[in-house]
Amino acid sequence: MIVGGGDNQLMSEINVTPFVDVMLVLLIIFMVAAPMMTQGVDVALPEVKAESLPQDDEVPFVVSVDKDGKVFINEFEVNRGGLNKKLVAIFREKPTEKVFLRADKRVPYGTVMDVMAQIRGAGIEKLGMITDPASEKQQ
């Protein structure tokens, strides 16, 4: 591109308009897609007053028990009787130190204890319980 005047110099400036257009399209795509990336098992957690655990960069390994007593490893349903064998097989490939347990507040105590026993029986040393923070009316 030749600029007017007698210099005959090239003008080398970046046109940012296409860059801005692409960035806006990407922003819209992520805004639409982000809510769809939420995954997990629908569990009504008990509300308790407790301190949060410190966060680390490792993705948590979660075992969930829903209101019907179904057991899930992350978002995949497993037979409650075979939970121990499944965890042993998983942690043989990828050892981890901790597992988090999410149990619906309507699940019987015995069911939760059975799941906890199977997790401990798989060799998991650290087991954390996931709860919701207590609401103002409970305090």
C-alpha atoms as a PDB file:
ATOM      1  CA  MET A   1       0.000   0.000   0.000  1.00  0.00           C
ATOM      2  CA  ILE A   2       1.465   3.310  -0.987  1.00  0.00           C
ATOM      3  CA  VAL A   3       0.752   6.292   1.173  1.00  0.00           C
ATOM      4  CA  GLY A   4       0.104   9.662  -0.404  1.00  0.00           C
ATOM      5  CA  GLY A   5       2.924  12.108  -0.578  1.00  0.00           C
ATOM      6  CA  GLY A   6       6.177  12.038  -2.381  1.00  0.00           C
ATOM      7  CA  ASP A   7       7.937   9.581  -0.053  1.00  0.00           C
ATOM      8  CA  ASN A   8       6.691   6.356  -1.667  1.00  0.00           C
ATOM      9  CA  GLN A   9       6.954   4.515   1.715  1.00  0.00           C
ATOM     10  CA  LEU A  10       5.025   1.396   2.604  1.00  0.00           C
ATOM     11  CA  MET A  11       2.595   1.618   5.496  1.00  0.00           C
ATOM     12  CA  SER A  12       2.634  -1.511   7.625  1.00  0.00           C
ATOM     13  CA  GLU A  13      -0.136  -1.397  10.227  1.00  0.00           C
ATOM     14  CA  ILE A  14      -2.147  -4.365  11.420  1.00  0.00           C
ATOM     15  CA  ASN A  15      -5.846  -4.275  10.719  1.00  0.00           C
ATOM     16  CA  VAL A  16      -7.390  -5.391  14.040  1.00  0.00           C
ATOM     17  CA  THR A  17     -10.995  -5.508  12.876  1.00  0.00           C
ATOM     18  CA  PRO A  18     -10.929  -9.195  11.777  1.00  0.00           C
ATOM     19  CA  PHE A  19      -9.125 -10.104  15.020  1.00  0.00           C
ATOM     20  CA  VAL A  20     -11.839  -8.412  17.103  1.00  0.00           C
ATOM     21  CA  ASP A  21     -14.546 -10.173  15.085  1.00  0.00           C
ATOM     22  CA  VAL A  22     -12.992 -13.584  15.694  1.00  0.00           C
ATOM     23  CA  MET A  23     -12.568 -12.871  19.419  1.00  0.00           C
ATOM     24  CA  LEU A  24     -16.219 -11.833  19.763  1.00  0.00           C
ATOM     25  CA  VAL A  25     -17.372 -15.019  18.028  1.00  0.00           C
ATOM     26  CA  LEU A  26     -15.186 -17.122  20.353  1.00  0.00           C
ATOM     27  CA  LEU A  27     -16.535 -15.264  23.377  1.00  0.00           C
ATOM     28  CA  ILE A  28     -20.127 -16.001  22.336  1.00  0.00           C
ATOM     29  CA  ILE A  29     -19.305 -19.679  21.724  1.00  0.00           C
ATOM     30  CA  PHE A  30     -17.759 -20.049  25.191  1.00  0.00           C
ATOM     31  CA  MET A  31     -20.631 -18.190  26.852  1.00  0.00           C
ATOM     32  CA  VAL A  32     -23.122 -20.590  25.267  1.00  0.00           C
ATOM     33  CA  ALA A  33     -21.054 -23.745  25.802  1.00  0.00           C
ATOM     34  CA  ALA A  34     -19.883 -23.143  29.402  1.00  0.00           C
ATOM     35  CA  PRO A  35     -23.219 -23.931  31.114  1.00  0.00           C
ATOM     36  CA  MET A  36     -23.427 -27.194  29.132  1.00  0.00           C
ATOM     37  CA  MET A  37     -20.063 -28.356  30.487  1.00  0.00           C
ATOM     38  CA  THR A  38     -21.438 -28.720  34.011  1.00  0.00           C
ATOM     39  CA  GLN A  39     -21.571 -32.376  34.859  1.00  0.00           C
ATOM     40  CA  GLY A  40     -22.233 -34.544  37.831  1.00  0.00           C
ATOM     41  CA  VAL A  41     -24.918 -36.332  39.759  1.00  0.00           C
ATOM     42  CA  ASP A  42     -27.913 -34.495  41.206  1.00  0.00           C
ATOM     43  CA  VAL A  43     -27.450 -34.787  44.972  1.00  0.00           C
ATOM     44  CA  ALA A  44     -29.113 -32.701  47.703  1.00  0.00           C
ATOM     45  CA  LEU A  45     -26.169 -32.273  50.049  1.00  0.00           C
ATOM     46  CA  PRO A  46     -26.661 -31.835  53.777  1.00  0.00           C
ATOM     47  CA  GLU A  47     -25.987 -28.324  55.031  1.00  0.00           C
ATOM     48  CA  VAL A  48     -23.405 -28.067  57.817  1.00  0.00           C
ATOM     49  CA  LYS A  49     -21.224 -25.385  59.326  1.00  0.00           C
ATOM     50  CA  ALA A  50     -17.615 -26.310  58.502  1.00  0.00           C
ATOM     51  CA  GLU A  51     -14.441 -24.839  57.078  1.00  0.00           C
ATOM     52  CA  SER A  52     -13.622 -25.384  53.416  1.00  0.00           C
ATOM     53  CA  LEU A  53     -10.640 -27.548  52.541  1.00  0.00           C
ATOM     54  CA  PRO A  54      -7.681 -25.872  50.855  1.00  0.00           C
ATOM     55  CA  GLN A  55      -7.856 -26.064  47.063  1.00  0.00           C
ATOM     56  CA  ASP A  56      -5.152 -27.717  44.995  1.00  0.00           C
ATOM     57  CA  ASP A  57      -4.611 -28.162  41.274  1.00  0.00           C
ATOM     58  CA  GLU A  58      -5.558 -31.851  41.220  1.00  0.00           C
ATOM     59  CA  VAL A  59      -8.988 -32.699  39.821  1.00  0.00           C
ATOM     60  CA  PRO A  60     -11.003 -34.251  42.659  1.00  0.00           C
ATOM     61  CA  PHE A  61     -12.098 -37.886  42.478  1.00  0.00           C
ATOM     62  CA  VAL A  62     -15.727 -37.990  43.657  1.00  0.00           C
ATOM     63  CA  VAL A  63     -17.939 -40.912  44.670  1.00  0.00           C
ATOM     64  CA  SER A  64     -21.611 -39.899  44.847  1.00  0.00           C
ATOM     65  CA  VAL A  65     -24.697 -41.564  46.313  1.00  0.00           C
ATOM     66  CA  ASP A  66     -27.982 -40.150  45.004  1.00  0.00           C
ATOM     67  CA  LYS A  67     -31.371 -40.126  46.745  1.00  0.00           C
ATOM     68  CA  ASP A  68     -32.236 -43.560  45.299  1.00  0.00           C
ATOM     69  CA  GLY A  69     -29.044 -45.120  46.699  1.00  0.00           C
ATOM     70  CA  LYS A  70     -27.348 -45.370  43.291  1.00  0.00           C
ATOM     71  CA  VAL A  71     -23.561 -45.030  43.448  1.00  0.00           C
ATOM     72  CA  PHE A  72     -21.525 -43.043  40.936  1.00  0.00           C
ATOM     73  CA  ILE A  73     -17.788 -42.714  40.379  1.00  0.00           C
ATOM     74  CA  ASN A  74     -17.509 -39.155  39.132  1.00  0.00           C
ATOM     75  CA  GLU A  75     -20.542 -39.205  36.776  1.00  0.00           C
ATOM     76  CA  PHE A  76     -20.525 -42.931  35.884  1.00  0.00           C
ATOM     77  CA  GLU A  77     -22.963 -45.227  37.680  1.00  0.00           C
ATOM     78  CA  VAL A  78     -21.542 -48.389  39.269  1.00  0.00           C
ATOM     79  CA  ASN A  79     -23.064 -51.310  41.114  1.00  0.00           C
ATOM     80  CA  ARG A  80     -22.800 -50.649  44.856  1.00  0.00           C
ATOM     81  CA  GLY A  81     -21.634 -54.206  45.498  1.00  0.00           C
ATOM     82  CA  GLY A  82     -18.809 -53.870  42.982  1.00  0.00           C
ATOM     83  CA  LEU A  83     -17.629 -50.417  44.058  1.00  0.00           C
ATOM     84  CA  ASN A  84     -14.587 -51.767  45.922  1.00  0.00           C
ATOM     85  CA  LYS A  85     -13.322 -53.806  42.952  1.00  0.00           C
ATOM     86  CA  LYS A  86     -13.870 -50.884  40.587  1.00  0.00           C
ATOM     87  CA  LEU A  87     -11.930 -48.496  42.839  1.00  0.00           C
ATOM     88  CA  VAL A  88      -9.066 -50.984  43.257  1.00  0.00           C
ATOM     89  CA  ALA A  89      -8.833 -51.317  39.459  1.00  0.00           C
ATOM     90  CA  ILE A  90      -8.947 -47.546  38.939  1.00  0.00           C
ATOM     91  CA  PHE A  91      -6.325 -46.741  41.558  1.00  0.00           C
ATOM     92  CA  ARG A  92      -4.015 -49.480  40.366  1.00  0.00           C
ATOM     93  CA  GLU A  93      -3.706 -47.482  37.128  1.00  0.00           C
ATOM     94  CA  LYS A  94      -3.754 -43.981  38.661  1.00  0.00           C
ATOM     95  CA  PRO A  95      -2.968 -43.878  42.366  1.00  0.00           C
ATOM     96  CA  THR A  96      -4.463 -41.019  44.346  1.00  0.00           C
ATOM     97  CA  GLU A  97      -4.362 -40.053  47.958  1.00  0.00           C
ATOM     98  CA  LYS A  98      -7.871 -38.755  48.447  1.00  0.00           C
ATOM     99  CA  VAL A  99     -11.453 -39.311  47.398  1.00  0.00           C
ATOM    100  CA  PHE A 100     -14.458 -37.117  48.128  1.00  0.00           C
ATOM    101  CA  LEU A 101     -17.844 -38.615  49.015  1.00  0.00           C
ATOM    102  CA  ARG A 102     -21.082 -36.806  48.136  1.00  0.00           C
ATOM    103  CA  ALA A 103     -24.182 -38.385  49.629  1.00  0.00           C
ATOM    104  CA  ASP A 104     -27.742 -37.113  49.370  1.00  0.00           C
ATOM    105  CA  LYS A 105     -29.135 -36.153  52.778  1.00  0.00           C
ATOM    106  CA  ARG A 106     -32.080 -38.544  52.230  1.00  0.00           C
ATOM    107  CA  VAL A 107     -29.816 -41.611  51.890  1.00  0.00           C
ATOM    108  CA  PRO A 108     -29.890 -43.918  54.943  1.00  0.00           C
ATOM    109  CA  TYR A 109     -26.849 -43.736  57.197  1.00  0.00           C
ATOM    110  CA  GLY A 110     -26.101 -47.445  56.673  1.00  0.00           C
ATOM    111  CA  THR A 111     -25.831 -46.972  52.916  1.00  0.00           C
ATOM    112  CA  VAL A 112     -23.357 -44.118  53.323  1.00  0.00           C
ATOM    113  CA  MET A 113     -21.296 -46.156  55.804  1.00  0.00           C
ATOM    114  CA  ASP A 114     -21.264 -49.135  53.406  1.00  0.00           C
ATOM    115  CA  VAL A 115     -19.945 -46.925  50.593  1.00  0.00           C
ATOM    116  CA  MET A 116     -17.343 -45.423  52.950  1.00  0.00           C
ATOM    117  CA  ALA A 117     -16.216 -48.900  53.995  1.00  0.00           C
ATOM    118  CA  GLN A 118     -15.801 -49.956  50.363  1.00  0.00           C
ATOM    119  CA  ILE A 119     -13.763 -46.833  49.613  1.00  0.00           C
ATOM    120  CA  ARG A 120     -11.517 -47.477  52.618  1.00  0.00           C
ATOM    121  CA  GLY A 121     -11.287 -51.157  51.653  1.00  0.00           C
ATOM    122  CA  ALA A 122      -9.899 -50.103  48.258  1.00  0.00           C
ATOM    123  CA  GLY A 123      -6.877 -48.649  50.038  1.00  0.00           C
ATOM    124  CA  ILE A 124      -7.906 -44.991  50.023  1.00  0.00           C
ATOM    125  CA  GLU A 125      -6.294 -43.304  53.021  1.00  0.00           C
ATOM    126  CA  LYS A 126      -7.927 -39.872  52.807  1.00  0.00           C
ATOM    127  CA  LEU A 127     -11.702 -39.658  52.438  1.00  0.00           C
ATOM    128  CA  GLY A 128     -13.437 -36.281  52.479  1.00  0.00           C
ATOM    129  CA  MET A 129     -17.154 -35.582  52.771  1.00  0.00           C
ATOM    130  CA  ILE A 130     -18.733 -32.904  50.562  1.00  0.00           C
ATOM    131  CA  THR A 131     -21.486 -30.773  52.106  1.00  0.00           C
ATOM    132  CA  ASP A 132     -23.217 -27.488  51.372  1.00  0.00           C
ATOM    133  CA  PRO A 133     -22.499 -24.496  53.631  1.00  0.00           C
ATOM    134  CA  ALA A 134     -25.113 -24.022  56.335  1.00  0.00           C
ATOM    135  CA  SER A 135     -27.786 -21.469  55.526  1.00  0.00           C
ATOM    136  CA  GLU A 136     -28.523 -18.503  57.784  1.00  0.00           C
ATOM    137  CA  LYS A 137     -31.680 -20.109  59.219  1.00  0.00           C
ATOM    138  CA  GLN A 138     -29.688 -23.046  60.655  1.00  0.00           C
ATOM    139  CA  GLN A 139     -27.107 -20.935  62.451  1.00  0.00           C
END
